[in-house]
């Protein structure tokens, strides 16, 4: 059953909104996946706040053209699904790469990273980066290390004074 014009316009508007808001949109050929596997992938990606949507190539091409994304048309062949990452550009790349390693049925075509089309090799490198949470934890650890060191240095004179006073007390108790 073909879609009405209103349905196509709604789908176009949804894809345009998603692509314009996303930090990264990864295009993948989902050929060979069963409905259960696509549902499993969606659940896995939803946990990382990644939206996974099957999109018509013509709609994706029109949206890309309107948003000024050049070089995407050559990747719009065959069945295409798009993983939209809004918060963390690494999460969709990691999620898809892990799923592909596990199922060996799907292929990443390309991605749009902050308005620029990147190829498969760059998507692979992106998937190897640590996630946003890991990077924030590392930054926080880097910020805390000097503070912990400073606190230790500031406590050293008081600790030394306490040790000296304790030694004097023990000496007086032994003498008296």
N, C-alpha and C. Protein backbone atom coordinates (compact mmCIF):
# COMPACT_ATOMS: atom_id res chain seq x y z
N UNK A 1 0.85 -1.17 0.00
CA UNK A 1 0.00 0.00 0.00
C UNK A 1 0.89 1.24 0.00
N UNK A 2 0.67 2.14 -0.92
CA UNK A 2 1.50 3.32 -0.99
C UNK A 2 1.05 4.35 0.05
N UNK A 3 1.98 5.18 0.45
CA UNK A 3 1.70 6.18 1.47
C UNK A 3 1.06 7.40 0.84
N UNK A 4 0.21 8.05 1.61
CA UNK A 4 -0.40 9.28 1.13
C UNK A 4 0.62 10.41 1.17
N UNK A 5 0.30 11.49 0.51
CA UNK A 5 1.21 12.64 0.48
C UNK A 5 1.47 13.17 1.89
N UNK A 6 0.43 13.19 2.73
CA UNK A 6 0.60 13.68 4.10
C UNK A 6 1.55 12.79 4.89
N UNK A 7 1.46 11.47 4.69
CA UNK A 7 2.35 10.55 5.39
C UNK A 7 3.80 10.76 4.94
N UNK A 8 3.98 10.96 3.63
CA UNK A 8 5.34 11.20 3.12
C UNK A 8 5.89 12.51 3.64
N UNK A 9 5.05 13.54 3.70
CA UNK A 9 5.50 14.83 4.23
C UNK A 9 5.85 14.73 5.70
N UNK A 10 5.07 13.95 6.44
CA UNK A 10 5.36 13.75 7.87
C UNK A 10 6.68 13.00 8.05
N UNK A 11 6.91 11.98 7.22
CA UNK A 11 8.16 11.23 7.30
C UNK A 11 9.34 12.12 6.93
N UNK A 12 9.16 12.93 5.89
CA UNK A 12 10.21 13.88 5.47
C UNK A 12 10.54 14.84 6.62
N UNK A 13 9.50 15.40 7.26
CA UNK A 13 9.72 16.34 8.36
C UNK A 13 10.43 15.66 9.54
N UNK A 14 10.06 14.40 9.83
CA UNK A 14 10.69 13.68 10.94
C UNK A 14 12.16 13.41 10.65
N UNK A 15 12.48 13.00 9.43
CA UNK A 15 13.87 12.73 9.06
C UNK A 15 14.67 14.03 9.07
N UNK A 16 14.08 15.09 8.57
CA UNK A 16 14.77 16.40 8.56
C UNK A 16 15.06 16.85 9.99
N UNK A 17 14.08 16.71 10.87
CA UNK A 17 14.28 17.10 12.27
C UNK A 17 15.38 16.26 12.91
N UNK A 18 15.32 14.95 12.70
CA UNK A 18 16.32 14.05 13.29
C UNK A 18 17.73 14.35 12.78
N UNK A 19 17.85 14.52 11.47
CA UNK A 19 19.18 14.76 10.88
C UNK A 19 19.73 16.12 11.28
N UNK A 20 18.86 17.12 11.40
CA UNK A 20 19.35 18.45 11.78
C UNK A 20 19.76 18.51 13.25
N UNK A 21 19.12 17.70 14.12
CA UNK A 21 19.45 17.70 15.55
C UNK A 21 20.60 16.77 15.91
N UNK A 22 20.82 15.75 15.10
CA UNK A 22 21.80 14.71 15.44
C UNK A 22 23.24 15.20 15.30
N UNK A 23 24.07 14.79 16.26
CA UNK A 23 25.51 15.03 16.14
C UNK A 23 26.09 14.08 15.09
N UNK A 24 25.53 12.87 15.04
CA UNK A 24 25.97 11.89 14.06
C UNK A 24 24.76 11.10 13.59
N UNK A 25 24.76 10.78 12.30
CA UNK A 25 23.73 9.91 11.70
C UNK A 25 24.48 8.86 10.88
N UNK A 26 24.37 7.61 11.28
CA UNK A 26 25.11 6.54 10.62
C UNK A 26 24.17 5.75 9.73
N UNK A 27 24.50 5.69 8.44
CA UNK A 27 23.70 4.96 7.47
C UNK A 27 24.20 3.53 7.39
N UNK A 28 23.26 2.60 7.41
CA UNK A 28 23.64 1.19 7.37
C UNK A 28 22.71 0.42 6.44
N UNK A 29 23.27 -0.58 5.79
CA UNK A 29 22.50 -1.51 4.97
C UNK A 29 22.06 -2.63 5.89
N UNK A 30 20.76 -2.75 6.11
CA UNK A 30 20.25 -3.74 7.07
C UNK A 30 19.79 -5.02 6.39
N UNK A 31 20.17 -5.22 5.14
CA UNK A 31 19.77 -6.40 4.38
C UNK A 31 20.15 -7.68 5.13
N UNK A 32 19.22 -8.61 5.21
CA UNK A 32 19.49 -9.88 5.85
C UNK A 32 19.06 -9.97 7.30
N UNK A 33 18.72 -8.85 7.91
CA UNK A 33 18.29 -8.88 9.31
C UNK A 33 16.82 -9.28 9.39
N UNK A 34 16.50 -10.06 10.39
CA UNK A 34 15.10 -10.41 10.64
C UNK A 34 14.45 -9.30 11.46
N UNK A 35 13.14 -9.33 11.55
CA UNK A 35 12.42 -8.35 12.36
C UNK A 35 12.87 -8.43 13.81
N UNK A 36 13.09 -9.63 14.30
CA UNK A 36 13.53 -9.82 15.69
C UNK A 36 14.91 -9.18 15.91
N UNK A 37 15.80 -9.35 14.93
CA UNK A 37 17.14 -8.78 15.06
C UNK A 37 17.10 -7.26 15.00
N UNK A 38 16.24 -6.70 14.16
CA UNK A 38 16.11 -5.24 14.10
C UNK A 38 15.54 -4.72 15.42
N UNK A 39 14.58 -5.44 15.98
CA UNK A 39 14.01 -5.06 17.28
C UNK A 39 15.07 -5.13 18.37
N UNK A 40 15.89 -6.16 18.34
CA UNK A 40 16.99 -6.30 19.31
C UNK A 40 17.97 -5.13 19.18
N UNK A 41 18.30 -4.79 17.94
CA UNK A 41 19.21 -3.66 17.70
C UNK A 41 18.60 -2.36 18.20
N UNK A 42 17.34 -2.14 17.92
CA UNK A 42 16.67 -0.92 18.39
C UNK A 42 16.71 -0.81 19.91
N UNK A 43 16.44 -1.92 20.58
CA UNK A 43 16.47 -1.91 22.06
C UNK A 43 17.87 -1.58 22.57
N UNK A 44 18.85 -2.19 21.95
CA UNK A 44 20.24 -1.95 22.37
C UNK A 44 20.61 -0.48 22.16
N UNK A 45 20.23 0.08 21.02
CA UNK A 45 20.55 1.47 20.72
C UNK A 45 19.72 2.44 21.56
N UNK A 46 18.47 2.08 21.86
CA UNK A 46 17.63 2.93 22.71
C UNK A 46 18.27 3.11 24.09
N UNK A 47 18.94 2.08 24.58
CA UNK A 47 19.60 2.18 25.89
C UNK A 47 20.71 3.23 25.86
N UNK A 48 21.27 3.47 24.68
CA UNK A 48 22.32 4.49 24.53
C UNK A 48 21.75 5.81 24.02
N UNK A 49 20.43 5.94 24.04
CA UNK A 49 19.73 7.15 23.56
C UNK A 49 20.02 7.40 22.08
N UNK A 50 19.99 6.33 21.30
CA UNK A 50 20.20 6.41 19.86
C UNK A 50 18.92 5.96 19.17
N UNK A 51 18.47 6.75 18.21
CA UNK A 51 17.26 6.43 17.46
C UNK A 51 17.66 5.68 16.19
N UNK A 52 17.02 4.54 15.93
CA UNK A 52 17.31 3.73 14.74
C UNK A 52 16.04 3.68 13.90
N UNK A 53 16.15 4.13 12.66
CA UNK A 53 14.98 4.24 11.81
C UNK A 53 15.30 3.80 10.38
N UNK A 54 14.40 3.01 9.79
CA UNK A 54 14.50 2.65 8.38
C UNK A 54 13.91 3.82 7.60
N UNK A 55 14.67 4.32 6.61
CA UNK A 55 14.26 5.52 5.87
C UNK A 55 14.41 5.27 4.38
N UNK A 56 13.48 5.81 3.62
CA UNK A 56 13.58 5.70 2.16
C UNK A 56 14.75 6.55 1.68
N UNK A 57 15.48 6.04 0.70
CA UNK A 57 16.64 6.74 0.17
C UNK A 57 16.26 8.08 -0.46
N UNK A 58 15.11 8.13 -1.14
CA UNK A 58 14.72 9.39 -1.79
C UNK A 58 14.47 10.47 -0.74
N UNK A 59 13.83 10.10 0.36
CA UNK A 59 13.58 11.09 1.43
C UNK A 59 14.89 11.53 2.05
N UNK A 60 15.78 10.58 2.33
CA UNK A 60 17.08 10.92 2.91
C UNK A 60 17.85 11.85 1.98
N UNK A 61 17.84 11.55 0.68
CA UNK A 61 18.53 12.39 -0.29
C UNK A 61 17.97 13.79 -0.34
N UNK A 62 16.65 13.93 -0.33
CA UNK A 62 16.02 15.25 -0.36
C UNK A 62 16.33 16.05 0.91
N UNK A 63 16.29 15.38 2.05
CA UNK A 63 16.62 16.05 3.32
C UNK A 63 18.07 16.49 3.32
N UNK A 64 18.97 15.61 2.89
CA UNK A 64 20.39 15.95 2.85
C UNK A 64 20.64 17.15 1.95
N UNK A 65 19.98 17.18 0.82
CA UNK A 65 20.14 18.30 -0.12
C UNK A 65 19.65 19.59 0.52
N UNK A 66 18.50 19.54 1.19
CA UNK A 66 17.95 20.75 1.82
C UNK A 66 18.83 21.24 2.96
N UNK A 67 19.44 20.31 3.71
CA UNK A 67 20.29 20.69 4.83
C UNK A 67 21.73 21.02 4.41
N UNK A 68 22.03 20.87 3.12
CA UNK A 68 23.36 21.21 2.62
C UNK A 68 24.41 20.15 2.89
N UNK A 69 23.98 18.90 3.08
CA UNK A 69 24.92 17.80 3.30
C UNK A 69 25.28 17.24 1.92
N UNK A 70 26.51 17.44 1.52
CA UNK A 70 26.94 17.01 0.19
C UNK A 70 27.72 15.70 0.26
N UNK A 71 27.57 14.88 -0.78
CA UNK A 71 28.33 13.65 -0.88
C UNK A 71 27.62 12.43 -0.31
N UNK A 72 26.37 12.58 0.09
CA UNK A 72 25.63 11.47 0.69
C UNK A 72 24.92 10.61 -0.35
N UNK A 73 24.61 11.19 -1.50
CA UNK A 73 23.80 10.49 -2.51
C UNK A 73 24.44 9.18 -2.99
N UNK A 74 25.74 9.12 -3.04
CA UNK A 74 26.39 7.89 -3.53
C UNK A 74 26.21 6.71 -2.57
N UNK A 75 25.84 6.99 -1.32
CA UNK A 75 25.64 5.93 -0.33
C UNK A 75 24.17 5.51 -0.21
N UNK A 76 23.30 6.18 -0.94
CA UNK A 76 21.86 5.92 -0.83
C UNK A 76 21.40 4.92 -1.87
N UNK A 77 21.91 3.71 -1.76
CA UNK A 77 21.51 2.61 -2.64
C UNK A 77 21.20 1.40 -1.77
N UNK A 78 20.18 0.67 -2.15
CA UNK A 78 19.78 -0.49 -1.38
C UNK A 78 19.04 -0.07 -0.13
N UNK A 79 18.64 -1.03 0.69
CA UNK A 79 17.90 -0.70 1.92
C UNK A 79 18.79 0.07 2.90
N UNK A 80 18.23 1.15 3.43
CA UNK A 80 19.02 2.01 4.31
C UNK A 80 18.28 2.26 5.61
N UNK A 81 19.01 2.10 6.70
CA UNK A 81 18.51 2.48 8.03
C UNK A 81 19.51 3.49 8.58
N UNK A 82 19.02 4.38 9.41
CA UNK A 82 19.89 5.41 9.97
C UNK A 82 19.81 5.38 11.49
N UNK A 83 20.99 5.40 12.12
CA UNK A 83 21.08 5.51 13.58
C UNK A 83 21.45 6.96 13.90
N UNK A 84 20.54 7.65 14.58
CA UNK A 84 20.75 9.06 14.93
C UNK A 84 21.24 9.15 16.36
N UNK A 85 22.41 9.77 16.55
CA UNK A 85 22.96 9.99 17.88
C UNK A 85 22.90 11.46 18.22
N UNK A 86 22.15 11.81 19.25
CA UNK A 86 21.94 13.21 19.59
C UNK A 86 22.90 13.73 20.65
N UNK A 87 23.27 12.90 21.61
CA UNK A 87 24.11 13.36 22.72
C UNK A 87 25.57 12.98 22.54
N UNK A 88 25.79 11.76 22.15
CA UNK A 88 27.14 11.21 22.09
C UNK A 88 27.39 10.64 20.69
N UNK A 89 28.30 11.22 19.92
CA UNK A 89 28.53 10.70 18.56
C UNK A 89 29.18 9.32 18.53
N UNK A 90 29.74 8.89 19.64
CA UNK A 90 30.41 7.59 19.68
C UNK A 90 29.41 6.45 19.90
N UNK A 91 28.34 6.71 20.65
CA UNK A 91 27.39 5.66 21.03
C UNK A 91 26.78 4.93 19.84
N UNK A 92 26.28 5.63 18.80
CA UNK A 92 25.71 4.88 17.68
C UNK A 92 26.76 4.06 16.93
N UNK A 93 27.96 4.61 16.79
CA UNK A 93 29.03 3.89 16.08
C UNK A 93 29.40 2.63 16.85
N UNK A 94 29.54 2.75 18.17
CA UNK A 94 29.87 1.58 19.00
C UNK A 94 28.75 0.55 18.95
N UNK A 95 27.51 1.01 19.12
CA UNK A 95 26.37 0.10 19.15
C UNK A 95 26.23 -0.68 17.85
N UNK A 96 26.32 0.02 16.72
CA UNK A 96 26.21 -0.66 15.42
C UNK A 96 27.39 -1.59 15.18
N UNK A 97 28.60 -1.14 15.49
CA UNK A 97 29.78 -1.96 15.27
C UNK A 97 29.73 -3.24 16.10
N UNK A 98 29.32 -3.13 17.35
CA UNK A 98 29.20 -4.31 18.21
C UNK A 98 28.15 -5.27 17.67
N UNK A 99 27.02 -4.72 17.22
CA UNK A 99 25.95 -5.56 16.67
C UNK A 99 26.42 -6.26 15.40
N UNK A 100 27.14 -5.55 14.55
CA UNK A 100 27.64 -6.13 13.29
C UNK A 100 28.64 -7.25 13.59
N UNK A 101 29.52 -7.04 14.58
CA UNK A 101 30.49 -8.08 14.95
C UNK A 101 29.77 -9.33 15.43
N UNK A 102 28.67 -9.13 16.14
CA UNK A 102 27.92 -10.25 16.70
C UNK A 102 27.09 -10.98 15.64
N UNK A 103 26.37 -10.25 14.80
CA UNK A 103 25.45 -10.86 13.83
C UNK A 103 26.05 -11.10 12.45
N UNK A 104 27.01 -10.29 12.06
CA UNK A 104 27.68 -10.40 10.76
C UNK A 104 26.70 -10.36 9.58
N UNK A 105 25.65 -9.55 9.69
CA UNK A 105 24.66 -9.47 8.64
C UNK A 105 24.47 -8.06 8.10
N UNK A 106 25.00 -7.10 8.72
CA UNK A 106 24.71 -5.71 8.41
C UNK A 106 25.98 -4.99 8.02
N UNK A 107 25.87 -3.91 7.25
CA UNK A 107 27.05 -3.14 6.86
C UNK A 107 26.81 -1.66 7.08
N UNK A 108 27.82 -0.99 7.57
CA UNK A 108 27.76 0.47 7.68
C UNK A 108 28.15 1.03 6.33
N UNK A 109 27.38 1.99 5.84
CA UNK A 109 27.65 2.62 4.54
C UNK A 109 28.52 3.87 4.72
N UNK A 110 28.03 4.78 5.54
CA UNK A 110 28.71 6.05 5.76
C UNK A 110 28.04 6.72 6.96
N UNK A 111 28.45 7.93 7.26
CA UNK A 111 27.83 8.68 8.35
C UNK A 111 27.88 10.16 8.05
N UNK A 112 27.01 10.88 8.70
CA UNK A 112 27.04 12.34 8.67
C UNK A 112 27.41 12.77 10.08
N UNK A 113 28.60 13.32 10.23
CA UNK A 113 29.09 13.76 11.53
C UNK A 113 29.13 15.28 11.53
N UNK A 114 28.22 15.87 12.30
CA UNK A 114 28.11 17.32 12.42
C UNK A 114 28.06 17.99 11.04
N UNK A 115 27.23 17.45 10.16
CA UNK A 115 26.99 18.06 8.85
C UNK A 115 27.97 17.67 7.76
N UNK A 116 28.93 16.80 8.07
CA UNK A 116 29.95 16.39 7.10
C UNK A 116 29.87 14.88 6.91
N UNK A 117 29.92 14.44 5.64
CA UNK A 117 29.85 13.01 5.34
C UNK A 117 31.22 12.39 5.59
N UNK A 118 31.22 11.27 6.33
CA UNK A 118 32.46 10.54 6.57
C UNK A 118 32.28 9.10 6.10
N UNK A 119 33.37 8.47 5.74
CA UNK A 119 33.34 7.12 5.21
C UNK A 119 33.42 6.05 6.28
N UNK A 120 33.46 4.82 5.82
CA UNK A 120 33.45 3.66 6.69
C UNK A 120 34.65 3.64 7.65
N UNK A 121 35.84 3.97 7.14
CA UNK A 121 37.04 3.95 8.00
C UNK A 121 36.93 4.95 9.15
N UNK A 122 36.39 6.13 8.87
CA UNK A 122 36.24 7.13 9.93
C UNK A 122 35.18 6.69 10.95
N UNK A 123 34.14 6.02 10.47
CA UNK A 123 33.12 5.50 11.38
C UNK A 123 33.74 4.44 12.28
N UNK A 124 34.59 3.58 11.73
CA UNK A 124 35.27 2.56 12.54
C UNK A 124 36.14 3.22 13.61
N UNK A 125 36.88 4.27 13.22
CA UNK A 125 37.72 4.98 14.20
C UNK A 125 36.85 5.62 15.27
N UNK A 126 35.70 6.15 14.87
CA UNK A 126 34.77 6.76 15.82
C UNK A 126 34.27 5.73 16.82
N UNK A 127 34.02 4.51 16.35
CA UNK A 127 33.51 3.46 17.23
C UNK A 127 34.56 2.99 18.23
N UNK A 128 35.83 3.24 17.94
CA UNK A 128 36.91 2.83 18.84
C UNK A 128 37.21 3.86 19.92
N UNK A 129 36.62 5.04 19.81
CA UNK A 129 36.82 6.07 20.83
C UNK A 129 36.07 5.71 22.11
N UNK A 130 36.55 6.20 23.25
CA UNK A 130 35.79 5.96 24.48
C UNK A 130 34.48 6.75 24.45
N UNK A 131 33.48 6.28 25.18
CA UNK A 131 32.20 6.96 25.21
C UNK A 131 32.31 8.28 25.98
N UNK A 132 31.27 9.07 25.88
CA UNK A 132 31.23 10.37 26.55
C UNK A 132 31.40 10.21 28.06
N UNK A 133 30.75 9.20 28.64
CA UNK A 133 30.84 8.97 30.08
C UNK A 133 32.27 8.64 30.51
N UNK A 134 32.95 7.81 29.73
CA UNK A 134 34.33 7.43 30.04
C UNK A 134 35.24 8.66 29.95
N UNK A 135 35.06 9.47 28.91
CA UNK A 135 35.88 10.67 28.77
C UNK A 135 35.63 11.64 29.91
N UNK A 136 34.37 11.80 30.32
CA UNK A 136 34.07 12.69 31.45
C UNK A 136 34.70 12.17 32.74
N UNK A 137 34.67 10.86 32.93
CA UNK A 137 35.30 10.28 34.13
C UNK A 137 36.80 10.53 34.13
N UNK A 138 37.43 10.41 32.95
CA UNK A 138 38.88 10.67 32.87
C UNK A 138 39.19 12.13 33.15
N UNK A 139 38.38 13.03 32.63
CA UNK A 139 38.60 14.46 32.88
C UNK A 139 38.42 14.76 34.36
N UNK A 140 37.37 14.20 34.96
CA UNK A 140 37.13 14.40 36.38
C UNK A 140 38.29 13.87 37.21
N UNK A 141 38.79 12.69 36.86
CA UNK A 141 39.95 12.13 37.56
C UNK A 141 41.17 13.01 37.43
N UNK A 142 41.37 13.58 36.23
CA UNK A 142 42.50 14.48 36.01
C UNK A 142 42.37 15.75 36.83
N UNK A 143 41.14 16.21 37.00
CA UNK A 143 40.92 17.42 37.80
C UNK A 143 41.07 17.15 39.28
N UNK A 144 40.69 15.94 39.72
CA UNK A 144 40.76 15.61 41.14
C UNK A 144 42.18 15.31 41.61
N UNK A 145 43.01 14.78 40.75
CA UNK A 145 44.36 14.36 41.16
C UNK A 145 45.16 15.51 41.79
N UNK A 146 45.23 16.68 41.17
CA UNK A 146 45.99 17.77 41.82
C UNK A 146 45.37 18.21 43.15
N UNK A 147 44.04 18.16 43.25
CA UNK A 147 43.39 18.56 44.50
C UNK A 147 43.70 17.58 45.62
N UNK A 148 43.72 16.30 45.31
CA UNK A 148 44.08 15.29 46.31
C UNK A 148 45.53 15.49 46.76
N UNK A 149 46.39 15.75 45.81
CA UNK A 149 47.79 16.01 46.14
C UNK A 149 47.95 17.25 47.00
N UNK A 150 47.22 18.31 46.67
CA UNK A 150 47.27 19.56 47.45
C UNK A 150 46.78 19.32 48.87
N UNK A 151 45.69 18.58 49.01
CA UNK A 151 45.16 18.28 50.35
C UNK A 151 46.18 17.50 51.16
N UNK A 152 46.86 16.57 50.53
CA UNK A 152 47.88 15.78 51.22
C UNK A 152 49.05 16.66 51.66
N UNK A 153 49.48 17.56 50.80
CA UNK A 153 50.59 18.46 51.12
C UNK A 153 50.19 19.41 52.25
N UNK A 154 48.96 19.89 52.23
CA UNK A 154 48.51 20.81 53.28
C UNK A 154 48.35 20.11 54.63
N UNK A 155 48.04 18.81 54.61
CA UNK A 155 47.89 18.06 55.85
C UNK A 155 49.24 17.63 56.44
N UNK A 156 50.29 17.60 55.63
CA UNK A 156 51.60 17.11 56.08
C UNK A 156 52.14 17.88 57.28
N UNK A 157 52.13 19.23 57.29
CA UNK A 157 52.67 19.94 58.47
C UNK A 157 51.88 19.64 59.75
N UNK A 158 50.55 19.54 59.62
CA UNK A 158 49.74 19.24 60.81
C UNK A 158 50.02 17.82 61.28
N UNK A 159 50.18 16.90 60.35
CA UNK A 159 50.49 15.51 60.71
C UNK A 159 51.85 15.46 61.40
N UNK A 160 52.83 16.19 60.85
CA UNK A 160 54.17 16.23 61.46
C UNK A 160 54.14 16.83 62.86
N UNK A 161 53.35 17.87 63.04
CA UNK A 161 53.21 18.51 64.35
C UNK A 161 52.58 17.55 65.35
N UNK A 162 51.54 16.83 64.91
CA UNK A 162 50.88 15.85 65.78
C UNK A 162 51.84 14.74 66.18
N UNK A 163 52.65 14.28 65.26
CA UNK A 163 53.64 13.22 65.56
C UNK A 163 54.67 13.74 66.56
N UNK A 164 55.13 14.99 66.37
CA UNK A 164 56.11 15.58 67.29
C UNK A 164 55.52 15.75 68.69
N UNK A 165 54.29 16.24 68.79
CA UNK A 165 53.65 16.42 70.10
C UNK A 165 53.45 15.08 70.79
N UNK A 166 53.08 14.07 70.03
CA UNK A 166 52.90 12.73 70.60
C UNK A 166 54.23 12.19 71.12
N UNK A 167 55.33 12.45 70.38
CA UNK A 167 56.65 11.99 70.83
C UNK A 167 57.05 12.70 72.11
N UNK A 168 56.78 14.01 72.22
CA UNK A 168 57.10 14.76 73.44
C UNK A 168 56.28 14.22 74.61
N UNK A 169 54.99 13.94 74.40
CA UNK A 169 54.13 13.40 75.45
C UNK A 169 54.65 12.04 75.94
N UNK A 170 55.02 11.18 74.98
CA UNK A 170 55.53 9.86 75.37
C UNK A 170 56.84 9.98 76.15
N UNK A 171 57.67 10.95 75.75
CA UNK A 171 58.96 11.15 76.44
C UNK A 171 58.73 11.64 77.86
N UNK A 172 57.77 12.54 78.05
CA UNK A 172 57.47 13.05 79.40
C UNK A 172 56.86 11.97 80.27
N UNK A 173 55.99 11.13 79.67
CA UNK A 173 55.38 10.06 80.44
C UNK A 173 56.45 9.05 80.88
N UNK A 174 57.43 8.79 79.98
CA UNK A 174 58.49 7.84 80.31
C UNK A 174 59.41 8.43 81.40
N UNK A 175 59.63 9.74 81.36
CA UNK A 175 60.53 10.38 82.33
C UNK A 175 59.83 10.59 83.68
N UNK A 176 58.51 10.83 83.64
CA UNK A 176 57.81 11.26 84.84
C UNK A 176 57.13 10.21 85.56
